[in-house]
């Protein structure tokens, strides 16, 4: 729910699904940047092309081992050693069903992971029809207590996409989060839409809050400009994506708070070196924070070496990480 973040509203505490291998993970077709496809994709993926370029910086040591037990089932083992974040072991599993809607889409998808303390994350994604997708996410603490749940449904028309999401609903106390998205393809290159978020709960100032934001994107052959603004909260979020060459991509993000009179700009890039089986992602922002991740496939072995670095020159904070992905 990236656009809820952009509008300044508190999203439900959901954890991302565990990583999976390319053999099992279906590729989601967002239709961004394809002028021949009228469906603009979900509103929450307005900035997806730019966001995908940002490196996933980590600190310490990380080992990820994945094993495909069949063409539908995979398990993962993750060991993390870190000073600044949570360390420990996580076990994950992924199952993809037999309902094949396209070469890159198969349903249902079941994803789950549990850590050594018994905390569990569960994800269920299913195609209710050729145009409708449903997703359920739940988070459990040790002992079986549910601390977070989220239910969403997307409908893709010929030239529009509508979504509705609920988070941490409590009908008895009349609390929870409700988000509605709509994105309409105006032309093959231009799409515009809106997001309406309503949050009710004791932790919300005044007991309830409603925020509306407007957004749109324009796609060229090798570039995309996207923006969303929330007039009530005074936030403006813009992104620009450019494919420079077949092996190099650049993204620019500008996040502005009119109310606080502050702006933060970030430049990210991704460079692929096919001859070396290497991918490099980096970013630098206006606060002089730099981050980078390099992934190198150790052919012919099924290993990938990852090196990560982060530097905040203002605070004098520096973090480094090394990882090994097996499988």
C-alpha atoms as a PDB file:
ATOM      1  CA  UNK A   1       0.000   0.000   0.000  1.00  0.00           C
ATOM      2  CA  UNK A   2       2.639   2.423  -1.082  1.00  0.00           C
ATOM      3  CA  UNK A   3       0.249   5.281  -1.739  1.00  0.00           C
ATOM      4  CA  UNK A   4      -1.103   5.153   1.807  1.00  0.00           C
ATOM      5  CA  UNK A   5       2.440   5.898   2.916  1.00  0.00           C
ATOM      6  CA  UNK A   6       2.633   8.736   0.439  1.00  0.00           C
ATOM      7  CA  UNK A   7      -0.493  10.351   1.815  1.00  0.00           C
ATOM      8  CA  UNK A   8       0.891  10.269   5.351  1.00  0.00           C
ATOM      9  CA  UNK A   9      -1.637   7.788   6.786  1.00  0.00           C
ATOM     10  CA  UNK A  10      -0.638   4.912   9.087  1.00  0.00           C
ATOM     11  CA  UNK A  11      -1.014   1.570   7.253  1.00  0.00           C
ATOM     12  CA  UNK A  12      -1.775  -1.686   9.057  1.00  0.00           C
ATOM     13  CA  UNK A  13       1.311  -3.498  10.392  1.00  0.00           C
ATOM     14  CA  UNK A  14       1.816  -6.026   7.626  1.00  0.00           C
ATOM     15  CA  UNK A  15       5.062  -7.852   6.926  1.00  0.00           C
ATOM     16  CA  UNK A  16       6.194  -8.508   3.341  1.00  0.00           C
ATOM     17  CA  UNK A  17       6.074 -12.061   2.022  1.00  0.00           C
ATOM     18  CA  UNK A  18       9.276 -14.066   2.124  1.00  0.00           C
ATOM     19  CA  UNK A  19      11.449 -14.208  -1.004  1.00  0.00           C
ATOM     20  CA  UNK A  20      10.940 -17.002  -3.483  1.00  0.00           C
ATOM     21  CA  UNK A  21      12.814 -18.289  -6.494  1.00  0.00           C
ATOM     22  CA  UNK A  22      12.108 -17.291 -10.092  1.00  0.00           C
ATOM     23  CA  UNK A  23      10.870 -20.792 -10.851  1.00  0.00           C
ATOM     24  CA  UNK A  24       7.903 -20.457  -8.508  1.00  0.00           C
ATOM     25  CA  UNK A  25       7.221 -16.737  -8.248  1.00  0.00           C
ATOM     26  CA  UNK A  26       4.699 -15.629 -10.921  1.00  0.00           C
ATOM     27  CA  UNK A  27       5.567 -12.405 -12.683  1.00  0.00           C
ATOM     28  CA  UNK A  28       2.933  -9.749 -12.110  1.00  0.00           C
ATOM     29  CA  UNK A  29       2.024  -7.800 -15.229  1.00  0.00           C
ATOM     30  CA  UNK A  30       1.626  -4.189 -14.140  1.00  0.00           C
ATOM     31  CA  UNK A  31       1.277  -2.840 -17.702  1.00  0.00           C
ATOM     32  CA  UNK A  32       3.313   0.232 -16.811  1.00  0.00           C
ATOM     33  CA  UNK A  33       5.173   1.663 -19.714  1.00  0.00           C
ATOM     34  CA  UNK A  34       3.269  -0.329 -22.372  1.00  0.00           C
ATOM     35  CA  UNK A  35       1.232   2.117 -24.480  1.00  0.00           C
ATOM     36  CA  UNK A  36      -0.490  -0.747 -26.316  1.00  0.00           C
ATOM     37  CA  UNK A  37      -2.164  -1.996 -23.130  1.00  0.00           C
ATOM     38  CA  UNK A  38      -5.098   0.125 -21.979  1.00  0.00           C
ATOM     39  CA  UNK A  39      -5.385  -1.341 -18.490  1.00  0.00           C
ATOM     40  CA  UNK A  40      -3.226   0.934 -16.290  1.00  0.00           C
ATOM     41  CA  UNK A  41      -2.781  -1.535 -13.433  1.00  0.00           C
ATOM     42  CA  UNK A  42      -3.516  -0.878  -9.736  1.00  0.00           C
ATOM     43  CA  UNK A  43      -3.367   2.653  -8.338  1.00  0.00           C
ATOM     44  CA  UNK A  44      -0.939   1.549  -5.643  1.00  0.00           C
ATOM     45  CA  UNK A  45       1.591   0.646  -8.358  1.00  0.00           C
ATOM     46  CA  UNK A  46       1.786   4.173  -9.797  1.00  0.00           C
ATOM     47  CA  UNK A  47       5.459   4.461  -8.863  1.00  0.00           C
ATOM     48  CA  UNK A  48       6.373   0.793  -9.224  1.00  0.00           C
ATOM     49  CA  UNK A  49       8.857   1.167 -12.082  1.00  0.00           C
ATOM     50  CA  UNK A  50      10.875   3.773 -10.162  1.00  0.00           C
ATOM     51  CA  UNK A  51      10.562   2.021  -6.802  1.00  0.00           C
ATOM     52  CA  UNK A  52      11.856  -1.271  -8.206  1.00  0.00           C
ATOM     53  CA  UNK A  53      15.220   0.393  -8.854  1.00  0.00           C
ATOM     54  CA  UNK A  54      15.842   1.234  -5.190  1.00  0.00           C
ATOM     55  CA  UNK A  55      18.294  -1.196  -3.530  1.00  0.00           C
ATOM     56  CA  UNK A  56      17.106  -3.348  -0.626  1.00  0.00           C
ATOM     57  CA  UNK A  57      19.947  -2.421   1.714  1.00  0.00           C
ATOM     58  CA  UNK A  58      20.727  -4.809   4.579  1.00  0.00           C
ATOM     59  CA  UNK A  59      23.320  -4.915   7.349  1.00  0.00           C
ATOM     60  CA  UNK A  60      25.369  -7.751   8.798  1.00  0.00           C
ATOM     61  CA  UNK A  61      25.316 -11.246   7.324  1.00  0.00           C
ATOM     62  CA  UNK A  62      22.472 -13.051   5.583  1.00  0.00           C
ATOM     63  CA  UNK A  63      22.158 -16.545   4.134  1.00  0.00           C
ATOM     64  CA  UNK A  64      19.116 -17.544   2.112  1.00  0.00           C
ATOM     65  CA  UNK A  65      18.698 -21.106   0.886  1.00  0.00           C
ATOM     66  CA  UNK A  66      15.734 -22.073  -1.295  1.00  0.00           C
ATOM     67  CA  UNK A  67      14.771 -25.555  -2.435  1.00  0.00           C
ATOM     68  CA  UNK A  68      12.081 -26.467  -4.936  1.00  0.00           C
ATOM     69  CA  UNK A  69      10.454 -29.699  -3.812  1.00  0.00           C
ATOM     70  CA  UNK A  70       8.233 -29.790  -6.903  1.00  0.00           C
ATOM     71  CA  UNK A  71       7.027 -27.535  -9.700  1.00  0.00           C
ATOM     72  CA  UNK A  72       4.433 -26.128  -7.272  1.00  0.00           C
ATOM     73  CA  UNK A  73       6.105 -26.166  -3.868  1.00  0.00           C
ATOM     74  CA  UNK A  74       9.238 -24.489  -2.518  1.00  0.00           C
ATOM     75  CA  UNK A  75      10.780 -24.000   0.920  1.00  0.00           C
ATOM     76  CA  UNK A  76      13.292 -21.370   2.092  1.00  0.00           C
ATOM     77  CA  UNK A  77      15.675 -21.087   5.028  1.00  0.00           C
ATOM     78  CA  UNK A  78      16.905 -17.628   6.026  1.00  0.00           C
ATOM     79  CA  UNK A  79      19.577 -16.884   8.622  1.00  0.00           C
ATOM     80  CA  UNK A  80      20.255 -13.246   9.502  1.00  0.00           C
ATOM     81  CA  UNK A  81      22.939 -11.809  11.782  1.00  0.00           C
ATOM     82  CA  UNK A  82      22.606  -8.070  12.363  1.00  0.00           C
ATOM     83  CA  UNK A  83      23.410  -5.411  14.937  1.00  0.00           C
ATOM     84  CA  UNK A  84      20.710  -2.893  14.018  1.00  0.00           C
ATOM     85  CA  UNK A  85      17.824  -5.157  12.974  1.00  0.00           C
ATOM     86  CA  UNK A  86      16.303  -8.451  14.061  1.00  0.00           C
ATOM     87  CA  UNK A  87      18.612 -11.445  13.909  1.00  0.00           C
ATOM     88  CA  UNK A  88      17.610 -15.074  13.777  1.00  0.00           C
ATOM     89  CA  UNK A  89      16.267 -17.871  11.628  1.00  0.00           C
ATOM     90  CA  UNK A  90      13.153 -17.907   9.453  1.00  0.00           C
ATOM     91  CA  UNK A  91      11.520 -20.802   7.648  1.00  0.00           C
ATOM     92  CA  UNK A  92       9.338 -20.058   4.641  1.00  0.00           C
ATOM     93  CA  UNK A  93       7.274 -21.981   2.142  1.00  0.00           C
ATOM     94  CA  UNK A  94       5.552 -21.137  -1.139  1.00  0.00           C
ATOM     95  CA  UNK A  95       2.860 -23.066  -2.978  1.00  0.00           C
ATOM     96  CA  UNK A  96       1.464 -22.216  -6.415  1.00  0.00           C
ATOM     97  CA  UNK A  97      -1.625 -24.024  -7.651  1.00  0.00           C
ATOM     98  CA  UNK A  98      -2.753 -25.416 -10.989  1.00  0.00           C
ATOM     99  CA  UNK A  99      -5.098 -22.634 -12.097  1.00  0.00           C
ATOM    100  CA  UNK A 100      -3.068 -21.239 -15.015  1.00  0.00           C
ATOM    101  CA  UNK A 101      -4.515 -17.963 -16.338  1.00  0.00           C
ATOM    102  CA  UNK A 102      -1.481 -16.941 -18.406  1.00  0.00           C
ATOM    103  CA  UNK A 103       2.124 -18.078 -18.912  1.00  0.00           C
ATOM    104  CA  UNK A 104       3.141 -15.847 -15.981  1.00  0.00           C
ATOM    105  CA  UNK A 105       0.133 -16.275 -13.682  1.00  0.00           C
ATOM    106  CA  UNK A 106      -0.995 -19.330 -11.741  1.00  0.00           C
ATOM    107  CA  UNK A 107      -3.280 -19.515  -8.702  1.00  0.00           C
ATOM    108  CA  UNK A 108      -3.840 -19.979  -5.834  1.00  0.00           C
ATOM    109  CA  UNK A 109      -0.620 -18.737  -4.244  1.00  0.00           C
ATOM    110  CA  UNK A 110       0.108 -19.580  -0.620  1.00  0.00           C
ATOM    111  CA  UNK A 111       3.124 -17.957   1.071  1.00  0.00           C
ATOM    112  CA  UNK A 112       4.113 -18.263   4.702  1.00  0.00           C
ATOM    113  CA  UNK A 113       7.121 -17.834   6.967  1.00  0.00           C
ATOM    114  CA  UNK A 114       7.770 -18.345  10.659  1.00  0.00           C
ATOM    115  CA  UNK A 115      10.692 -17.293  12.848  1.00  0.00           C
ATOM    116  CA  UNK A 116      12.352 -19.029  15.764  1.00  0.00           C
ATOM    117  CA  UNK A 117      10.057 -17.215  18.244  1.00  0.00           C
ATOM    118  CA  UNK A 118       6.903 -18.596  16.613  1.00  0.00           C
ATOM    119  CA  UNK A 119       5.820 -15.407  14.846  1.00  0.00           C
ATOM    120  CA  UNK A 120       3.982 -16.317  11.642  1.00  0.00           C
ATOM    121  CA  UNK A 121       3.183 -14.403   8.448  1.00  0.00           C
ATOM    122  CA  UNK A 122       0.648 -15.922   6.055  1.00  0.00           C
ATOM    123  CA  UNK A 123      -0.379 -14.773   2.560  1.00  0.00           C
ATOM    124  CA  UNK A 124      -3.104 -16.094   0.270  1.00  0.00           C
ATOM    125  CA  UNK A 125      -3.560 -14.808  -3.289  1.00  0.00           C
ATOM    126  CA  UNK A 126      -6.240 -16.201  -5.576  1.00  0.00           C
ATOM    127  CA  UNK A 127      -7.929 -15.375  -8.871  1.00  0.00           C
ATOM    128  CA  UNK A 128     -11.658 -15.265  -8.192  1.00  0.00           C
ATOM    129  CA  UNK A 129     -12.219 -14.787 -11.941  1.00  0.00           C
ATOM    130  CA  UNK A 130     -10.231 -13.770 -15.022  1.00  0.00           C
ATOM    131  CA  UNK A 131     -10.534 -10.107 -13.961  1.00  0.00           C
ATOM    132  CA  UNK A 132     -10.698 -10.336 -10.169  1.00  0.00           C
ATOM    133  CA  UNK A 133      -7.839 -10.998  -7.758  1.00  0.00           C
ATOM    134  CA  UNK A 134      -8.167 -11.434  -4.016  1.00  0.00           C
ATOM    135  CA  UNK A 135      -5.454 -11.312  -1.358  1.00  0.00           C
ATOM    136  CA  UNK A 136      -5.471 -12.069   2.355  1.00  0.00           C
ATOM    137  CA  UNK A 137      -2.545 -11.360   4.686  1.00  0.00           C
ATOM    138  CA  UNK A 138      -2.395 -12.255   8.367  1.00  0.00           C
ATOM    139  CA  UNK A 139       0.255 -11.888  11.054  1.00  0.00           C
ATOM    140  CA  UNK A 140       0.334 -14.035  14.199  1.00  0.00           C
ATOM    141  CA  UNK A 141       2.415 -13.851  17.345  1.00  0.00           C
ATOM    142  CA  UNK A 142       3.657 -16.899  19.199  1.00  0.00           C
ATOM    143  CA  UNK A 143       0.696 -18.481  20.933  1.00  0.00           C
ATOM    144  CA  UNK A 144      -1.629 -18.004  17.971  1.00  0.00           C
ATOM    145  CA  UNK A 145      -2.712 -14.405  18.629  1.00  0.00           C
ATOM    146  CA  UNK A 146      -3.548 -12.522  15.432  1.00  0.00           C
ATOM    147  CA  UNK A 147      -1.974  -9.052  15.565  1.00  0.00           C
ATOM    148  CA  UNK A 148      -2.740  -7.931  12.029  1.00  0.00           C
ATOM    149  CA  UNK A 149      -4.872  -8.875   9.052  1.00  0.00           C
ATOM    150  CA  UNK A 150      -5.508  -7.370   5.663  1.00  0.00           C
ATOM    151  CA  UNK A 151      -7.989  -8.276   2.926  1.00  0.00           C
ATOM    152  CA  UNK A 152      -7.952  -6.769  -0.553  1.00  0.00           C
ATOM    153  CA  UNK A 153      -9.702  -7.303  -3.873  1.00  0.00           C
ATOM    154  CA  UNK A 154      -8.710  -5.961  -7.316  1.00  0.00           C
ATOM    155  CA  UNK A 155     -10.873  -5.792 -10.419  1.00  0.00           C
ATOM    156  CA  UNK A 156      -9.259  -5.141 -13.815  1.00  0.00           C
ATOM    157  CA  UNK A 157     -11.480  -3.844 -16.582  1.00  0.00           C
ATOM    158  CA  UNK A 158     -10.553  -3.192 -20.185  1.00  0.00           C
ATOM    159  CA  UNK A 159      -9.169   0.282 -19.395  1.00  0.00           C
ATOM    160  CA  UNK A 160      -9.430   0.669 -15.614  1.00  0.00           C
ATOM    161  CA  UNK A 161      -8.517  -0.989 -12.342  1.00  0.00           C
ATOM    162  CA  UNK A 162     -10.510  -0.728  -9.097  1.00  0.00           C
ATOM    163  CA  UNK A 163      -9.357  -1.986  -5.692  1.00  0.00           C
ATOM    164  CA  UNK A 164     -10.632  -2.069  -2.138  1.00  0.00           C
ATOM    165  CA  UNK A 165      -8.564  -2.967   0.921  1.00  0.00           C
ATOM    166  CA  UNK A 166      -9.470  -3.449   4.568  1.00  0.00           C
ATOM    167  CA  UNK A 167      -6.966  -3.693   7.398  1.00  0.00           C
ATOM    168  CA  UNK A 168      -7.323  -4.766  11.044  1.00  0.00           C
ATOM    169  CA  UNK A 169     -11.115  -4.583  10.969  1.00  0.00           C
ATOM    170  CA  UNK A 170     -12.833  -4.781  14.371  1.00  0.00           C
ATOM    171  CA  UNK A 171     -16.614  -4.623  13.828  1.00  0.00           C
ATOM    172  CA  UNK A 172     -17.366  -4.814  17.549  1.00  0.00           C
ATOM    173  CA  UNK A 173     -15.367  -1.692  18.432  1.00  0.00           C
ATOM    174  CA  UNK A 174     -15.947  -0.096  15.010  1.00  0.00           C
ATOM    175  CA  UNK A 175     -12.243   0.197  14.254  1.00  0.00           C
ATOM    176  CA  UNK A 176     -10.101  -0.493  11.229  1.00  0.00           C
ATOM    177  CA  UNK A 177      -8.711   0.803   7.957  1.00  0.00           C
ATOM    178  CA  UNK A 178     -10.536   1.043   4.631  1.00  0.00           C
ATOM    179  CA  UNK A 179      -8.810   2.077   1.400  1.00  0.00           C
ATOM    180  CA  UNK A 180     -10.432   2.372  -2.041  1.00  0.00           C
ATOM    181  CA  UNK A 181      -8.435   2.848  -5.265  1.00  0.00           C
ATOM    182  CA  UNK A 182      -9.481   3.627  -8.822  1.00  0.00           C
ATOM    183  CA  UNK A 183      -7.247   4.178 -11.844  1.00  0.00           C
ATOM    184  CA  UNK A 184      -8.656   4.932 -15.288  1.00  0.00           C
ATOM    185  CA  UNK A 185      -6.775   4.724 -18.575  1.00  0.00           C
ATOM    186  CA  UNK A 186      -7.640   7.985 -20.350  1.00  0.00           C
ATOM    187  CA  UNK A 187      -5.414   7.299 -23.369  1.00  0.00           C
ATOM    188  CA  UNK A 188      -3.031   4.425 -24.141  1.00  0.00           C
ATOM    189  CA  UNK A 189      -0.248   6.473 -22.489  1.00  0.00           C
ATOM    190  CA  UNK A 190      -2.053   8.478 -19.790  1.00  0.00           C
ATOM    191  CA  UNK A 191      -3.953   7.228 -16.727  1.00  0.00           C
ATOM    192  CA  UNK A 192      -5.493   9.116 -13.791  1.00  0.00           C
ATOM    193  CA  UNK A 193      -7.277   8.070 -10.642  1.00  0.00           C
ATOM    194  CA  UNK A 194      -7.892   8.614  -6.945  1.00  0.00           C
ATOM    195  CA  UNK A 195      -7.422   6.998  -3.557  1.00  0.00           C
ATOM    196  CA  UNK A 196      -9.710   7.355  -0.553  1.00  0.00           C
ATOM    197  CA  UNK A 197      -8.514   6.204   2.843  1.00  0.00           C
ATOM    198  CA  UNK A 198     -10.637   6.048   6.001  1.00  0.00           C
ATOM    199  CA  UNK A 199      -9.067   5.075   9.336  1.00  0.00           C
ATOM    200  CA  UNK A 200     -11.004   4.739  12.582  1.00  0.00           C
ATOM    201  CA  UNK A 201      -9.535   3.780  15.942  1.00  0.00           C
ATOM    202  CA  UNK A 202      -8.515   4.891  19.401  1.00  0.00           C
ATOM    203  CA  UNK A 203      -4.945   5.577  18.268  1.00  0.00           C
ATOM    204  CA  UNK A 204      -6.145   8.004  15.555  1.00  0.00           C
ATOM    205  CA  UNK A 205      -6.306  11.690  16.595  1.00  0.00           C
ATOM    206  CA  UNK A 206      -9.968  12.627  16.872  1.00  0.00           C
ATOM    207  CA  UNK A 207     -11.015   8.990  16.615  1.00  0.00           C
ATOM    208  CA  UNK A 208     -11.194   8.911  12.816  1.00  0.00           C
ATOM    209  CA  UNK A 209      -9.530  10.370   9.747  1.00  0.00           C
ATOM    210  CA  UNK A 210     -10.253  10.404   6.025  1.00  0.00           C
ATOM    211  CA  UNK A 211      -7.672  11.329   3.396  1.00  0.00           C
ATOM    212  CA  UNK A 212      -8.146  11.567  -0.348  1.00  0.00           C
ATOM    213  CA  UNK A 213      -5.361  11.710  -2.900  1.00  0.00           C
ATOM    214  CA  UNK A 214      -5.288  12.152  -6.666  1.00  0.00           C
ATOM    215  CA  UNK A 215      -2.724  10.570  -8.945  1.00  0.00           C
ATOM    216  CA  UNK A 216      -1.765   9.827 -12.492  1.00  0.00           C
ATOM    217  CA  UNK A 217       1.002   8.624 -14.767  1.00  0.00           C
ATOM    218  CA  UNK A 218       2.163   9.245 -18.316  1.00  0.00           C
ATOM    219  CA  UNK A 219       4.178   6.555 -20.074  1.00  0.00           C
ATOM    220  CA  UNK A 220       6.525   7.025 -22.997  1.00  0.00           C
ATOM    221  CA  UNK A 221       8.334   4.348 -24.935  1.00  0.00           C
ATOM    222  CA  UNK A 222      11.305   4.252 -22.527  1.00  0.00           C
ATOM    223  CA  UNK A 223      10.181   6.520 -19.667  1.00  0.00           C
ATOM    224  CA  UNK A 224       7.350   7.148 -17.227  1.00  0.00           C
ATOM    225  CA  UNK A 225       6.308  10.132 -15.128  1.00  0.00           C
ATOM    226  CA  UNK A 226       3.990   9.492 -12.168  1.00  0.00           C
ATOM    227  CA  UNK A 227       2.628  11.651  -9.358  1.00  0.00           C
ATOM    228  CA  UNK A 228       0.076  11.576  -6.575  1.00  0.00           C
ATOM    229  CA  UNK A 229      -0.986  14.417  -4.291  1.00  0.00           C
ATOM    230  CA  UNK A 230      -3.046  14.665  -1.127  1.00  0.00           C
ATOM    231  CA  UNK A 231      -4.482  18.200  -0.847  1.00  0.00           C
ATOM    232  CA  UNK A 232      -5.754  17.669   2.714  1.00  0.00           C
ATOM    233  CA  UNK A 233      -2.408  16.523   4.128  1.00  0.00           C
ATOM    234  CA  UNK A 234      -0.346  18.739   1.829  1.00  0.00           C
ATOM    235  CA  UNK A 235       1.816  15.941   0.418  1.00  0.00           C
ATOM    236  CA  UNK A 236       3.078  15.627  -3.154  1.00  0.00           C
ATOM    237  CA  UNK A 237       4.908  12.528  -4.382  1.00  0.00           C
ATOM    238  CA  UNK A 238       6.437  12.398  -7.874  1.00  0.00           C
ATOM    239  CA  UNK A 239       8.609   9.834  -9.645  1.00  0.00           C
ATOM    240  CA  UNK A 240      10.360   9.690 -12.995  1.00  0.00           C
ATOM    241  CA  UNK A 241      11.658   6.506 -14.626  1.00  0.00           C
ATOM    242  CA  UNK A 242      13.969   6.284 -17.626  1.00  0.00           C
ATOM    243  CA  UNK A 243      15.447   3.247 -19.369  1.00  0.00           C
ATOM    244  CA  UNK A 244      18.729   4.659 -20.649  1.00  0.00           C
ATOM    245  CA  UNK A 245      19.979   1.489 -22.342  1.00  0.00           C
ATOM    246  CA  UNK A 246      19.025  -2.173 -22.273  1.00  0.00           C
ATOM    247  CA  UNK A 247      21.302  -2.612 -19.256  1.00  0.00           C
ATOM    248  CA  UNK A 248      20.819   0.675 -17.411  1.00  0.00           C
ATOM    249  CA  UNK A 249      17.779   2.247 -15.743  1.00  0.00           C
ATOM    250  CA  UNK A 250      17.423   5.447 -13.716  1.00  0.00           C
ATOM    251  CA  UNK A 251      14.685   6.596 -11.341  1.00  0.00           C
ATOM    252  CA  UNK A 252      14.126   9.926  -9.590  1.00  0.00           C
ATOM    253  CA  UNK A 253      11.804  10.411  -6.608  1.00  0.00           C
ATOM    254  CA  UNK A 254      10.705  13.718  -5.052  1.00  0.00           C
ATOM    255  CA  UNK A 255       8.658  13.693  -1.849  1.00  0.00           C
ATOM    256  CA  UNK A 256       7.324  17.125  -0.796  1.00  0.00           C
ATOM    257  CA  UNK A 257       5.447  18.143   2.342  1.00  0.00           C
ATOM    258  CA  UNK A 258       3.871  21.547   1.743  1.00  0.00           C
ATOM    259  CA  UNK A 259       2.678  21.759   5.334  1.00  0.00           C
ATOM    260  CA  UNK A 260       6.188  21.244   6.744  1.00  0.00           C
ATOM    261  CA  UNK A 261       7.849  23.023   3.820  1.00  0.00           C
ATOM    262  CA  UNK A 262      10.241  20.134   3.312  1.00  0.00           C
ATOM    263  CA  UNK A 263      11.284  18.151   0.255  1.00  0.00           C
ATOM    264  CA  UNK A 264      13.446  15.078  -0.169  1.00  0.00           C
ATOM    265  CA  UNK A 265      14.847  14.012  -3.506  1.00  0.00           C
ATOM    266  CA  UNK A 266      16.352  10.633  -4.317  1.00  0.00           C
ATOM    267  CA  UNK A 267      18.103   9.296  -7.405  1.00  0.00           C
ATOM    268  CA  UNK A 268      18.274   5.536  -7.932  1.00  0.00           C
ATOM    269  CA  UNK A 269      19.775   3.462 -10.701  1.00  0.00           C
ATOM    270  CA  UNK A 270      20.208  -0.135 -11.772  1.00  0.00           C
ATOM    271  CA  UNK A 271      23.030  -1.419 -13.954  1.00  0.00           C
ATOM    272  CA  UNK A 272      23.010  -4.965 -15.351  1.00  0.00           C
ATOM    273  CA  UNK A 273      26.258  -6.534 -16.571  1.00  0.00           C
ATOM    274  CA  UNK A 274      25.148  -9.672 -18.451  1.00  0.00           C
ATOM    275  CA  UNK A 275      28.666 -10.830 -19.303  1.00  0.00           C
ATOM    276  CA  UNK A 276      29.546 -10.870 -15.609  1.00  0.00           C
ATOM    277  CA  UNK A 277      26.131 -12.091 -14.358  1.00  0.00           C
ATOM    278  CA  UNK A 278      26.087  -9.063 -12.078  1.00  0.00           C
ATOM    279  CA  UNK A 279      23.436  -6.508 -11.091  1.00  0.00           C
ATOM    280  CA  UNK A 280      24.206  -3.272  -9.280  1.00  0.00           C
ATOM    281  CA  UNK A 281      21.612  -0.999  -7.635  1.00  0.00           C
ATOM    282  CA  UNK A 282      22.389   2.298  -5.938  1.00  0.00           C
ATOM    283  CA  UNK A 283      20.727   5.403  -4.577  1.00  0.00           C
ATOM    284  CA  UNK A 284      21.627   8.832  -3.209  1.00  0.00           C
ATOM    285  CA  UNK A 285      19.268  11.379  -1.671  1.00  0.00           C
ATOM    286  CA  UNK A 286      19.335  15.071  -0.814  1.00  0.00           C
ATOM    287  CA  UNK A 287      20.225  14.253   2.829  1.00  0.00           C
ATOM    288  CA  UNK A 288      23.549  12.804   1.643  1.00  0.00           C
ATOM    289  CA  UNK A 289      22.540   9.235   2.372  1.00  0.00           C
ATOM    290  CA  UNK A 290      23.943   6.635  -0.008  1.00  0.00           C
ATOM    291  CA  UNK A 291      22.966   2.999  -0.408  1.00  0.00           C
ATOM    292  CA  UNK A 292      24.023   0.269  -2.807  1.00  0.00           C
ATOM    293  CA  UNK A 293      23.589  -3.459  -3.336  1.00  0.00           C
ATOM    294  CA  UNK A 294      25.547  -5.653  -5.747  1.00  0.00           C
ATOM    295  CA  UNK A 295      24.406  -9.177  -6.641  1.00  0.00           C
ATOM    296  CA  UNK A 296      26.794 -11.492  -8.469  1.00  0.00           C
ATOM    297  CA  UNK A 297      25.816 -14.951  -9.699  1.00  0.00           C
ATOM    298  CA  UNK A 298      28.607 -17.449  -9.122  1.00  0.00           C
ATOM    299  CA  UNK A 299      28.135 -19.488 -12.290  1.00  0.00           C
ATOM    300  CA  UNK A 300      28.049 -22.492 -12.715  1.00  0.00           C
ATOM    301  CA  UNK A 301      27.095 -22.918  -9.056  1.00  0.00           C
ATOM    302  CA  UNK A 302      23.557 -22.036  -7.897  1.00  0.00           C
ATOM    303  CA  UNK A 303      24.947 -19.310  -5.644  1.00  0.00           C
ATOM    304  CA  UNK A 304      24.465 -15.543  -5.652  1.00  0.00           C
ATOM    305  CA  UNK A 305      26.780 -13.286  -3.670  1.00  0.00           C
ATOM    306  CA  UNK A 306      25.269 -10.028  -2.364  1.00  0.00           C
ATOM    307  CA  UNK A 307      27.209  -7.057  -1.011  1.00  0.00           C
ATOM    308  CA  UNK A 308      25.394  -4.138   0.622  1.00  0.00           C
ATOM    309  CA  UNK A 309      26.497  -0.756   1.895  1.00  0.00           C
ATOM    310  CA  UNK A 310      24.805   2.288   3.428  1.00  0.00           C
ATOM    311  CA  UNK A 311      26.315   5.611   4.463  1.00  0.00           C
ATOM    312  CA  UNK A 312      24.758   8.607   6.216  1.00  0.00           C
ATOM    313  CA  UNK A 313      27.416  11.305   6.070  1.00  0.00           C
ATOM    314  CA  UNK A 314      25.384  13.759   8.171  1.00  0.00           C
ATOM    315  CA  UNK A 315      25.048  11.420  11.171  1.00  0.00           C
ATOM    316  CA  UNK A 316      28.304   9.603  10.526  1.00  0.00           C
ATOM    317  CA  UNK A 317      26.516   6.241  10.307  1.00  0.00           C
ATOM    318  CA  UNK A 318      27.885   3.464   8.086  1.00  0.00           C
ATOM    319  CA  UNK A 319      26.530  -0.045   7.655  1.00  0.00           C
ATOM    320  CA  UNK A 320      27.731  -2.953   5.542  1.00  0.00           C
ATOM    321  CA  UNK A 321      26.325  -6.363   4.769  1.00  0.00           C
ATOM    322  CA  UNK A 322      27.223  -9.572   2.975  1.00  0.00           C
ATOM    323  CA  UNK A 323      24.794 -12.241   1.863  1.00  0.00           C
ATOM    324  CA  UNK A 324      24.715 -15.573   0.083  1.00  0.00           C
ATOM    325  CA  UNK A 325      21.650 -16.807  -1.807  1.00  0.00           C
ATOM    326  CA  UNK A 326      21.610 -20.534  -2.537  1.00  0.00           C
ATOM    327  CA  UNK A 327      19.179 -22.067  -4.964  1.00  0.00           C
END
